[in-house]
Amino acid sequence: MKRARFTEEQIIGILRENEAGAKAGELARKHGVSEGTIYPWKAKFGGMSVWEAQRLRTL
């Protein structure tokens, strides 16, 4: 099974940068992911806080 490169907390941090006004392309280059990866993360974790993501993982 492939190990996730980013934790939920790191993903939420990246998405917070996006909400603050950074463009997806800039974030992708900065963090070393493809721009297409940002959008599924946004669909899954958008608007979540860190504790909500941790709770989701335990379910």
N, C-alpha and C. Protein backbone atom coordinates (compact mmCIF):
# COMPACT_ATOMS: atom_id res chain seq x y z
N MET A 1 0.84 -1.18 0.00
CA MET A 1 0.00 0.00 0.00
C MET A 1 0.89 1.25 0.00
N LYS A 2 0.55 2.20 -0.82
CA LYS A 2 1.35 3.41 -0.94
C LYS A 2 1.15 4.30 0.28
N ARG A 3 2.26 4.80 0.80
CA ARG A 3 2.21 5.68 1.96
C ARG A 3 1.89 7.10 1.51
N ALA A 4 1.02 7.77 2.22
CA ALA A 4 0.67 9.14 1.89
C ALA A 4 1.86 10.05 2.15
N ARG A 5 2.10 10.97 1.26
CA ARG A 5 3.24 11.87 1.38
C ARG A 5 2.94 13.02 2.33
N PHE A 6 1.71 13.44 2.37
CA PHE A 6 1.31 14.55 3.22
C PHE A 6 0.27 14.07 4.23
N THR A 7 0.35 14.58 5.44
CA THR A 7 -0.66 14.27 6.45
C THR A 7 -1.87 15.17 6.22
N GLU A 8 -2.96 14.83 6.88
CA GLU A 8 -4.15 15.65 6.75
C GLU A 8 -3.89 17.07 7.23
N GLU A 9 -3.10 17.20 8.28
CA GLU A 9 -2.78 18.52 8.81
C GLU A 9 -2.02 19.36 7.80
N GLN A 10 -1.07 18.74 7.11
CA GLN A 10 -0.30 19.46 6.11
C GLN A 10 -1.18 19.85 4.93
N ILE A 11 -2.07 18.96 4.52
CA ILE A 11 -2.98 19.25 3.40
C ILE A 11 -3.88 20.43 3.75
N ILE A 12 -4.41 20.43 4.96
CA ILE A 12 -5.28 21.52 5.39
C ILE A 12 -4.50 22.83 5.44
N GLY A 13 -3.24 22.78 5.84
CA GLY A 13 -2.40 23.98 5.83
C GLY A 13 -2.21 24.52 4.43
N ILE A 14 -2.00 23.63 3.48
CA ILE A 14 -1.85 24.04 2.08
C ILE A 14 -3.14 24.66 1.57
N LEU A 15 -4.27 24.06 1.91
CA LEU A 15 -5.55 24.60 1.47
C LEU A 15 -5.86 25.94 2.12
N ARG A 16 -5.40 26.15 3.35
CA ARG A 16 -5.58 27.45 4.00
C ARG A 16 -4.81 28.53 3.23
N GLU A 17 -3.62 28.17 2.74
CA GLU A 17 -2.86 29.11 1.93
C GLU A 17 -3.65 29.47 0.67
N ASN A 18 -4.34 28.48 0.09
CA ASN A 18 -5.15 28.72 -1.09
C ASN A 18 -6.31 29.64 -0.76
N GLU A 19 -6.94 29.44 0.38
CA GLU A 19 -8.04 30.29 0.79
C GLU A 19 -7.58 31.72 1.06
N ALA A 20 -6.32 31.87 1.47
CA ALA A 20 -5.78 33.19 1.76
C ALA A 20 -5.45 33.97 0.49
N GLY A 21 -5.51 33.30 -0.66
CA GLY A 21 -5.32 34.02 -1.91
C GLY A 21 -4.23 33.48 -2.81
N ALA A 22 -3.49 32.48 -2.37
CA ALA A 22 -2.46 31.91 -3.23
C ALA A 22 -3.12 31.06 -4.31
N LYS A 23 -2.56 31.08 -5.51
CA LYS A 23 -3.12 30.31 -6.61
C LYS A 23 -2.68 28.85 -6.52
N ALA A 24 -3.49 27.97 -7.07
CA ALA A 24 -3.22 26.54 -7.00
C ALA A 24 -1.91 26.18 -7.68
N GLY A 25 -1.60 26.82 -8.77
CA GLY A 25 -0.35 26.55 -9.47
C GLY A 25 0.87 26.92 -8.64
N GLU A 26 0.79 28.05 -7.95
CA GLU A 26 1.90 28.47 -7.09
C GLU A 26 2.09 27.49 -5.94
N LEU A 27 0.99 27.07 -5.33
CA LEU A 27 1.07 26.12 -4.22
C LEU A 27 1.63 24.78 -4.67
N ALA A 28 1.23 24.35 -5.86
CA ALA A 28 1.71 23.08 -6.38
C ALA A 28 3.23 23.10 -6.55
N ARG A 29 3.75 24.16 -7.11
CA ARG A 29 5.21 24.27 -7.28
C ARG A 29 5.92 24.37 -5.94
N LYS A 30 5.35 25.14 -5.02
CA LYS A 30 5.97 25.36 -3.72
C LYS A 30 6.07 24.05 -2.92
N HIS A 31 5.03 23.23 -2.97
CA HIS A 31 4.98 22.03 -2.14
C HIS A 31 5.33 20.75 -2.90
N GLY A 32 5.57 20.85 -4.19
CA GLY A 32 6.03 19.69 -4.96
C GLY A 32 4.94 18.69 -5.31
N VAL A 33 3.75 19.17 -5.56
CA VAL A 33 2.66 18.31 -6.01
C VAL A 33 2.15 18.84 -7.33
N SER A 34 1.35 18.04 -8.02
CA SER A 34 0.78 18.54 -9.27
C SER A 34 -0.42 19.43 -8.96
N GLU A 35 -0.71 20.30 -9.88
CA GLU A 35 -1.85 21.20 -9.69
C GLU A 35 -3.15 20.41 -9.62
N GLY A 36 -3.20 19.29 -10.34
CA GLY A 36 -4.39 18.44 -10.31
C GLY A 36 -4.62 17.77 -8.97
N THR A 37 -3.61 17.70 -8.13
CA THR A 37 -3.76 17.11 -6.81
C THR A 37 -4.45 18.07 -5.85
N ILE A 38 -4.25 19.35 -6.04
CA ILE A 38 -4.82 20.35 -5.15
C ILE A 38 -6.35 20.28 -5.17
N TYR A 39 -6.94 20.07 -6.33
CA TYR A 39 -8.40 20.11 -6.45
C TYR A 39 -9.10 18.94 -5.74
N PRO A 40 -8.62 17.70 -5.84
CA PRO A 40 -9.25 16.64 -5.04
C PRO A 40 -9.08 16.86 -3.53
N TRP A 41 -7.93 17.40 -3.13
CA TRP A 41 -7.74 17.73 -1.73
C TRP A 41 -8.78 18.76 -1.30
N LYS A 42 -9.01 19.73 -2.16
CA LYS A 42 -9.98 20.78 -1.85
C LYS A 42 -11.39 20.20 -1.72
N ALA A 43 -11.70 19.23 -2.58
CA ALA A 43 -13.01 18.60 -2.51
C ALA A 43 -13.17 17.77 -1.24
N LYS A 44 -12.09 17.12 -0.81
CA LYS A 44 -12.16 16.24 0.35
C LYS A 44 -12.00 16.99 1.67
N PHE A 45 -11.03 17.91 1.73
CA PHE A 45 -10.69 18.56 2.99
C PHE A 45 -11.06 20.04 3.06
N GLY A 46 -11.65 20.59 2.02
CA GLY A 46 -11.97 22.01 2.00
C GLY A 46 -12.92 22.40 3.10
N GLY A 47 -12.57 23.42 3.86
CA GLY A 47 -13.41 23.91 4.94
C GLY A 47 -13.29 23.14 6.24
N MET A 48 -12.46 22.12 6.28
CA MET A 48 -12.28 21.34 7.51
C MET A 48 -11.22 21.97 8.39
N SER A 49 -11.36 21.74 9.68
CA SER A 49 -10.28 22.10 10.59
C SER A 49 -9.44 20.85 10.84
N VAL A 50 -8.32 21.02 11.50
CA VAL A 50 -7.41 19.90 11.73
C VAL A 50 -8.08 18.83 12.58
N TRP A 51 -8.80 19.23 13.62
CA TRP A 51 -9.41 18.22 14.49
C TRP A 51 -10.52 17.46 13.77
N GLU A 52 -11.20 18.10 12.83
CA GLU A 52 -12.23 17.39 12.05
C GLU A 52 -11.59 16.34 11.14
N ALA A 53 -10.44 16.64 10.57
CA ALA A 53 -9.75 15.68 9.72
C ALA A 53 -9.24 14.50 10.54
N GLN A 54 -8.76 14.78 11.74
CA GLN A 54 -8.32 13.70 12.62
C GLN A 54 -9.50 12.81 13.01
N ARG A 55 -10.63 13.41 13.26
CA ARG A 55 -11.83 12.65 13.62
C ARG A 55 -12.30 11.81 12.44
N LEU A 56 -12.21 12.36 11.22
CA LEU A 56 -12.58 11.63 10.02
C LEU A 56 -11.69 10.41 9.85
N ARG A 57 -10.41 10.54 10.15
CA ARG A 57 -9.48 9.43 10.01
C ARG A 57 -9.83 8.30 10.99
N THR A 58 -10.30 8.64 12.19
CA THR A 58 -10.61 7.61 13.18
C THR A 58 -11.91 6.88 12.87
N LEU A 59 -12.77 7.45 12.06
CA LEU A 59 -14.05 6.80 11.76
C LEU A 59 -13.91 5.64 10.81
